[in-house]
C-alpha atoms as a PDB file:
ATOM      1  CA  MET A   1       5.865   7.171 -20.124  1.00  0.00           C
ATOM      2  CA  LEU A   2       4.909   7.376 -16.548  1.00  0.00           C
ATOM      3  CA  ASN A   3       1.956   9.287 -15.115  1.00  0.00           C
ATOM      4  CA  VAL A   4       2.362  10.400 -11.440  1.00  0.00           C
ATOM      5  CA  GLU A   5      -0.630  11.757  -9.575  1.00  0.00           C
ATOM      6  CA  THR A   6      -0.412  13.590  -6.239  1.00  0.00           C
ATOM      7  CA  THR A   7      -3.085  12.539  -3.702  1.00  0.00           C
ATOM      8  CA  ALA A   8      -4.677  14.449  -0.823  1.00  0.00           C
ATOM      9  CA  ILE A   9      -1.530  13.603   1.120  1.00  0.00           C
ATOM     10  CA  PRO A  10       1.157  14.900  -1.216  1.00  0.00           C
ATOM     11  CA  ASP A  11       3.805  12.358  -0.160  1.00  0.00           C
ATOM     12  CA  VAL A  12       1.595   9.534  -1.292  1.00  0.00           C
ATOM     13  CA  LYS A  13       1.519   9.098  -5.093  1.00  0.00           C
ATOM     14  CA  ILE A  14      -0.501   7.078  -7.664  1.00  0.00           C
ATOM     15  CA  VAL A  15       1.846   5.949 -10.430  1.00  0.00           C
ATOM     16  CA  THR A  16       0.496   4.626 -13.729  1.00  0.00           C
ATOM     17  CA  PRO A  17       2.993   3.275 -16.243  1.00  0.00           C
ATOM     18  CA  ALA A  18       1.953   3.518 -19.920  1.00  0.00           C
ATOM     19  CA  ARG A  19       0.633   0.416 -21.667  1.00  0.00           C
ATOM     20  CA  LEU A  20       1.431  -0.192 -25.303  1.00  0.00           C
ATOM     21  CA  GLY A  21      -1.296  -2.319 -26.820  1.00  0.00           C
ATOM     22  CA  ASP A  22      -2.181  -4.074 -30.026  1.00  0.00           C
ATOM     23  CA  HIS A  23      -4.297  -7.049 -31.115  1.00  0.00           C
ATOM     24  CA  ARG A  24      -2.188  -9.337 -28.906  1.00  0.00           C
ATOM     25  CA  GLY A  25      -2.692  -7.468 -25.695  1.00  0.00           C
ATOM     26  CA  TYR A  26      -0.319  -4.951 -24.148  1.00  0.00           C
ATOM     27  CA  PHE A  27       3.215  -4.362 -22.850  1.00  0.00           C
ATOM     28  CA  SER A  28       3.990  -2.199 -19.820  1.00  0.00           C
ATOM     29  CA  GLU A  29       7.281  -1.224 -18.251  1.00  0.00           C
ATOM     30  CA  THR A  30       6.066  -1.418 -14.624  1.00  0.00           C
ATOM     31  CA  TYR A  31       9.321  -0.164 -13.153  1.00  0.00           C
ATOM     32  CA  ASN A  32      12.241   1.769 -14.729  1.00  0.00           C
ATOM     33  CA  ARG A  33      14.550   3.423 -12.218  1.00  0.00           C
ATOM     34  CA  GLN A  34      15.501   6.210 -14.678  1.00  0.00           C
ATOM     35  CA  ARG A  35      11.863   7.028 -15.490  1.00  0.00           C
ATOM     36  CA  PHE A  36      10.966   7.053 -11.743  1.00  0.00           C
ATOM     37  CA  ILE A  37      13.867   9.358 -10.974  1.00  0.00           C
ATOM     38  CA  GLY A  38      12.807  11.615 -13.891  1.00  0.00           C
ATOM     39  CA  ALA A  39       9.324  11.765 -12.295  1.00  0.00           C
ATOM     40  CA  GLY A  40      10.810  12.782  -8.902  1.00  0.00           C
ATOM     41  CA  ILE A  41      10.719   9.348  -7.275  1.00  0.00           C
ATOM     42  CA  ASP A  42      14.297   8.496  -6.194  1.00  0.00           C
ATOM     43  CA  THR A  43      13.916   5.322  -4.130  1.00  0.00           C
ATOM     44  CA  GLU A  44      16.219   2.417  -4.223  1.00  0.00           C
ATOM     45  CA  PHE A  45      14.140  -0.801  -3.869  1.00  0.00           C
ATOM     46  CA  VAL A  46      15.857  -3.815  -2.409  1.00  0.00           C
ATOM     47  CA  GLN A  47      13.172  -6.501  -2.246  1.00  0.00           C
ATOM     48  CA  ASP A  48      10.129  -7.621  -4.213  1.00  0.00           C
ATOM     49  CA  ASN A  49       7.199  -9.399  -2.571  1.00  0.00           C
ATOM     50  CA  GLN A  50       4.078 -11.056  -3.837  1.00  0.00           C
ATOM     51  CA  SER A  51       0.944 -12.041  -1.970  1.00  0.00           C
ATOM     52  CA  ARG A  52      -2.154 -13.966  -3.077  1.00  0.00           C
ATOM     53  CA  SER A  53      -5.516 -13.711  -1.308  1.00  0.00           C
ATOM     54  CA  ALA A  54      -8.063 -16.385  -2.191  1.00  0.00           C
ATOM     55  CA  SER A  55     -11.265 -14.706  -0.972  1.00  0.00           C
ATOM     56  CA  VAL A  56     -13.001 -11.395  -1.501  1.00  0.00           C
ATOM     57  CA  GLY A  57     -12.950  -9.365   1.707  1.00  0.00           C
ATOM     58  CA  THR A  58      -9.520 -10.473   2.771  1.00  0.00           C
ATOM     59  CA  VAL A  59      -7.912  -7.608   4.728  1.00  0.00           C
ATOM     60  CA  ARG A  60      -4.141  -7.433   5.113  1.00  0.00           C
ATOM     61  CA  GLY A  61      -2.830  -4.593   7.261  1.00  0.00           C
ATOM     62  CA  LEU A  62      -2.434  -2.014   8.354  1.00  0.00           C
ATOM     63  CA  HIS A  63       1.347  -2.792   8.448  1.00  0.00           C
ATOM     64  CA  PHE A  64       4.655  -0.871   8.568  1.00  0.00           C
ATOM     65  CA  GLN A  65       8.213  -1.297   9.671  1.00  0.00           C
ATOM     66  CA  SER A  66      10.053   1.032  12.016  1.00  0.00           C
ATOM     67  CA  ALA A  67      13.629   2.373  11.660  1.00  0.00           C
ATOM     68  CA  PRO A  68      16.162   1.308  10.678  1.00  0.00           C
ATOM     69  CA  PHE A  69      14.064  -0.953   8.465  1.00  0.00           C
ATOM     70  CA  ALA A  70      11.279   1.527   7.601  1.00  0.00           C
ATOM     71  CA  GLN A  71      10.091   0.927   4.061  1.00  0.00           C
ATOM     72  CA  VAL A  72       8.844   2.890   1.053  1.00  0.00           C
ATOM     73  CA  LYS A  73       6.408   0.582  -0.766  1.00  0.00           C
ATOM     74  CA  LEU A  74       5.343   0.468  -4.407  1.00  0.00           C
ATOM     75  CA  ILE A  75       2.213  -1.639  -4.711  1.00  0.00           C
ATOM     76  CA  ARG A  76       0.592  -3.073  -7.875  1.00  0.00           C
ATOM     77  CA  VAL A  77      -2.000  -5.698  -8.628  1.00  0.00           C
ATOM     78  CA  VAL A  78      -1.240  -8.413 -11.166  1.00  0.00           C
ATOM     79  CA  LYS A  79      -4.498 -10.279 -10.838  1.00  0.00           C
ATOM     80  CA  GLY A  80      -7.823  -9.105  -9.477  1.00  0.00           C
ATOM     81  CA  SER A  81      -8.325  -5.817  -7.616  1.00  0.00           C
ATOM     82  CA  ILE A  82      -7.917  -4.237  -4.150  1.00  0.00           C
ATOM     83  CA  PHE A  83      -9.022  -1.290  -2.102  1.00  0.00           C
ATOM     84  CA  ASP A  84      -5.547   0.027  -0.953  1.00  0.00           C
ATOM     85  CA  VAL A  85      -4.972   2.372   1.967  1.00  0.00           C
ATOM     86  CA  ALA A  86      -2.029   4.408   3.331  1.00  0.00           C
ATOM     87  CA  VAL A  87      -2.413   5.989   6.771  1.00  0.00           C
ATOM     88  CA  ASP A  88      -0.028   8.804   7.889  1.00  0.00           C
ATOM     89  CA  ILE A  89       1.494   7.834  11.263  1.00  0.00           C
ATOM     90  CA  ARG A  90       4.166  10.545  11.355  1.00  0.00           C
ATOM     91  CA  ARG A  91       3.286  12.205  14.690  1.00  0.00           C
ATOM     92  CA  SER A  92       4.252  15.736  13.728  1.00  0.00           C
ATOM     93  CA  SER A  93       2.763  15.634  10.260  1.00  0.00           C
ATOM     94  CA  PRO A  94      -0.186  17.983   9.505  1.00  0.00           C
ATOM     95  CA  THR A  95      -1.887  14.918   7.994  1.00  0.00           C
ATOM     96  CA  TYR A  96      -1.217  12.648  10.948  1.00  0.00           C
ATOM     97  CA  GLY A  97      -4.004  10.013  11.277  1.00  0.00           C
ATOM     98  CA  GLN A  98      -5.397  10.823   7.801  1.00  0.00           C
ATOM     99  CA  HIS A  99      -5.452   8.363   4.980  1.00  0.00           C
ATOM    100  CA  VAL A 100      -5.499   7.992   1.210  1.00  0.00           C
ATOM    101  CA  ALA A 101      -7.386   5.128  -0.397  1.00  0.00           C
ATOM    102  CA  VAL A 102      -7.270   3.982  -4.027  1.00  0.00           C
ATOM    103  CA  GLU A 103      -8.544   1.105  -6.077  1.00  0.00           C
ATOM    104  CA  LEU A 104      -5.738  -0.814  -7.784  1.00  0.00           C
ATOM    105  CA  SER A 105      -6.457  -3.538 -10.307  1.00  0.00           C
ATOM    106  CA  ALA A 106      -4.733  -5.604 -12.927  1.00  0.00           C
ATOM    107  CA  GLU A 107      -7.080  -3.838 -15.328  1.00  0.00           C
ATOM    108  CA  ASN A 108      -6.205  -0.247 -14.446  1.00  0.00           C
ATOM    109  CA  GLY A 109      -2.445  -0.802 -14.025  1.00  0.00           C
ATOM    110  CA  ARG A 110      -2.195   1.863 -11.277  1.00  0.00           C
ATOM    111  CA  GLN A 111       0.467   1.564  -8.618  1.00  0.00           C
ATOM    112  CA  PHE A 112       0.504   3.048  -5.129  1.00  0.00           C
ATOM    113  CA  LEU A 113       3.665   4.654  -3.796  1.00  0.00           C
ATOM    114  CA  ILE A 114       3.652   4.756  -0.004  1.00  0.00           C
ATOM    115  CA  PRO A 115       6.476   6.601   1.784  1.00  0.00           C
ATOM    116  CA  VAL A 116       8.130   5.877   5.100  1.00  0.00           C
ATOM    117  CA  GLY A 117       5.962   6.829   8.031  1.00  0.00           C
ATOM    118  CA  PHE A 118       2.720   5.327   6.693  1.00  0.00           C
ATOM    119  CA  ALA A 119       0.855   2.189   7.639  1.00  0.00           C
ATOM    120  CA  HIS A 120      -0.361   0.190   4.620  1.00  0.00           C
ATOM    121  CA  GLY A 121      -3.239  -2.205   4.163  1.00  0.00           C
ATOM    122  CA  PHE A 122      -5.671  -3.504   1.587  1.00  0.00           C
ATOM    123  CA  CYS A 123      -8.947  -5.358   1.094  1.00  0.00           C
ATOM    124  CA  THR A 124      -9.419  -7.729  -1.852  1.00  0.00           C
ATOM    125  CA  LEU A 125     -12.316  -6.931  -4.154  1.00  0.00           C
ATOM    126  CA  GLU A 126     -12.096 -10.053  -6.350  1.00  0.00           C
ATOM    127  CA  PRO A 127     -11.218 -13.714  -5.561  1.00  0.00           C
ATOM    128  CA  ASP A 128      -7.707 -14.935  -6.150  1.00  0.00           C
ATOM    129  CA  THR A 129      -6.193 -11.467  -6.112  1.00  0.00           C
ATOM    130  CA  GLU A 130      -2.399 -11.182  -6.374  1.00  0.00           C
ATOM    131  CA  ILE A 131      -0.322  -8.171  -5.564  1.00  0.00           C
ATOM    132  CA  GLN A 132       3.355  -7.552  -6.097  1.00  0.00           C
ATOM    133  CA  TYR A 133       5.246  -4.816  -4.328  1.00  0.00           C
ATOM    134  CA  LYS A 134       8.680  -3.407  -4.061  1.00  0.00           C
ATOM    135  CA  VAL A 135      10.191  -2.239  -0.740  1.00  0.00           C
ATOM    136  CA  SER A 136      13.111  -0.061   0.064  1.00  0.00           C
ATOM    137  CA  ALA A 137      14.270  -1.998   3.098  1.00  0.00           C
ATOM    138  CA  TYR A 138      14.552  -5.662   3.910  1.00  0.00           C
ATOM    139  CA  TYR A 139      11.970  -7.368   6.072  1.00  0.00           C
ATOM    140  CA  SER A 140      12.676  -7.404   9.807  1.00  0.00           C
ATOM    141  CA  ALA A 141      10.367  -9.231  12.108  1.00  0.00           C
ATOM    142  CA  GLU A 142      11.662  -7.206  15.055  1.00  0.00           C
ATOM    143  CA  HIS A 143      10.688  -3.958  13.279  1.00  0.00           C
ATOM    144  CA  ASP A 144       7.341  -5.181  11.905  1.00  0.00           C
ATOM    145  CA  HIS A 145       4.329  -3.377  13.427  1.00  0.00           C
ATOM    146  CA  GLY A 146       0.718  -2.753  12.787  1.00  0.00           C
ATOM    147  CA  LEU A 147      -2.300  -0.545  13.285  1.00  0.00           C
ATOM    148  CA  ALA A 148      -5.907  -1.604  13.705  1.00  0.00           C
ATOM    149  CA  TRP A 149      -7.503  -1.725  10.313  1.00  0.00           C
ATOM    150  CA  ASP A 150     -10.978  -0.912  11.660  1.00  0.00           C
ATOM    151  CA  ASP A 151      -9.922   1.887  14.080  1.00  0.00           C
ATOM    152  CA  ALA A 152     -12.981   4.208  13.797  1.00  0.00           C
ATOM    153  CA  SER A 153     -10.842   7.292  14.429  1.00  0.00           C
ATOM    154  CA  LEU A 154      -9.150   6.684  11.001  1.00  0.00           C
ATOM    155  CA  GLY A 155     -12.503   7.075   9.119  1.00  0.00           C
ATOM    156  CA  ILE A 156     -11.613   4.468   6.482  1.00  0.00           C
ATOM    157  CA  LYS A 157     -14.680   3.297   4.558  1.00  0.00           C
ATOM    158  CA  TRP A 158     -13.574  -0.284   3.935  1.00  0.00           C
ATOM    159  CA  PRO A 159     -15.573  -2.172   1.236  1.00  0.00           C
ATOM    160  CA  VAL A 160     -16.242  -5.096   3.622  1.00  0.00           C
ATOM    161  CA  ASP A 161     -18.435  -5.516   6.726  1.00  0.00           C
ATOM    162  CA  PRO A 162     -16.069  -5.817   9.705  1.00  0.00           C
ATOM    163  CA  ASP A 163     -17.886  -9.060  10.743  1.00  0.00           C
ATOM    164  CA  LYS A 164     -17.152 -10.572   7.352  1.00  0.00           C
ATOM    165  CA  ALA A 165     -13.584  -9.418   6.862  1.00  0.00           C
ATOM    166  CA  ILE A 166     -11.090 -12.258   6.596  1.00  0.00           C
ATOM    167  CA  LEU A 167      -8.075 -11.392   8.816  1.00  0.00           C
ATOM    168  CA  SER A 168      -4.980 -12.980  10.336  1.00  0.00           C
ATOM    169  CA  ASP A 169      -4.919 -13.408  14.057  1.00  0.00           C
ATOM    170  CA  LYS A 170      -2.088 -10.839  14.126  1.00  0.00           C
ATOM    171  CA  ASP A 171      -4.224  -8.207  12.360  1.00  0.00           C
ATOM    172  CA  ARG A 172      -7.089  -8.754  14.776  1.00  0.00           C
ATOM    173  CA  ARG A 173      -4.846  -7.686  17.686  1.00  0.00           C
ATOM    174  CA  GLN A 174      -3.280  -4.500  16.349  1.00  0.00           C
ATOM    175  CA  PRO A 175      -3.452  -1.289  18.434  1.00  0.00           C
ATOM    176  CA  THR A 176      -5.557   1.742  17.531  1.00  0.00           C
ATOM    177  CA  LEU A 177      -3.917   4.989  16.522  1.00  0.00           C
ATOM    178  CA  ALA A 178      -4.388   6.354  20.094  1.00  0.00           C
ATOM    179  CA  GLU A 179      -2.572   3.312  21.459  1.00  0.00           C
ATOM    180  CA  LEU A 180       0.253   3.326  18.914  1.00  0.00           C
ATOM    181  CA  PRO A 181       3.686   4.163  20.193  1.00  0.00           C
ATOM    182  CA  VAL A 182       5.510   6.978  18.334  1.00  0.00           C
ATOM    183  CA  TYR A 183       7.540   5.297  15.557  1.00  0.00           C
ATOM    184  CA  PHE A 184       7.835   8.346  13.277  1.00  0.00           C
ATOM    185  CA  ARG A 185       8.098  12.004  14.274  1.00  0.00           C
END
């Protein structure tokens, strides 16, 4: 079983696979191509990634890749929890500049499906948080871009004080939405 929820931006989905539990714990089929296709999600994933963030308040993002390496992402947490965000950067979209945010955790088993044309980022809510995610295109440094996580025009209510956020140097230098070139029409 697979539960798929539509969000305020219909192209962004929350996917929750069923968990079968007993006195030992649970089993969950986190990805099954046939079940995803049956739920209307027909994406061929080509690469799996994993990241670990040691500290609460670690922010990664907002990241995306441009064509021809633009990616659909399927995010899930295997340890800890995150505040996960997808921002619509498709210039002609009626939801351009809007975002969807969701809490993902190892406990709730939810996954976040982020389509092409969205910037993605997250903030850790617990120490030693690990995420795994599938992508539909291979990584390309040349096509790797970002958007300022703290751009006030996005209206994201991050669960960390900007002065206390733990960021990479790269993420500190990303452009605002107003400065972002057009990557997706």
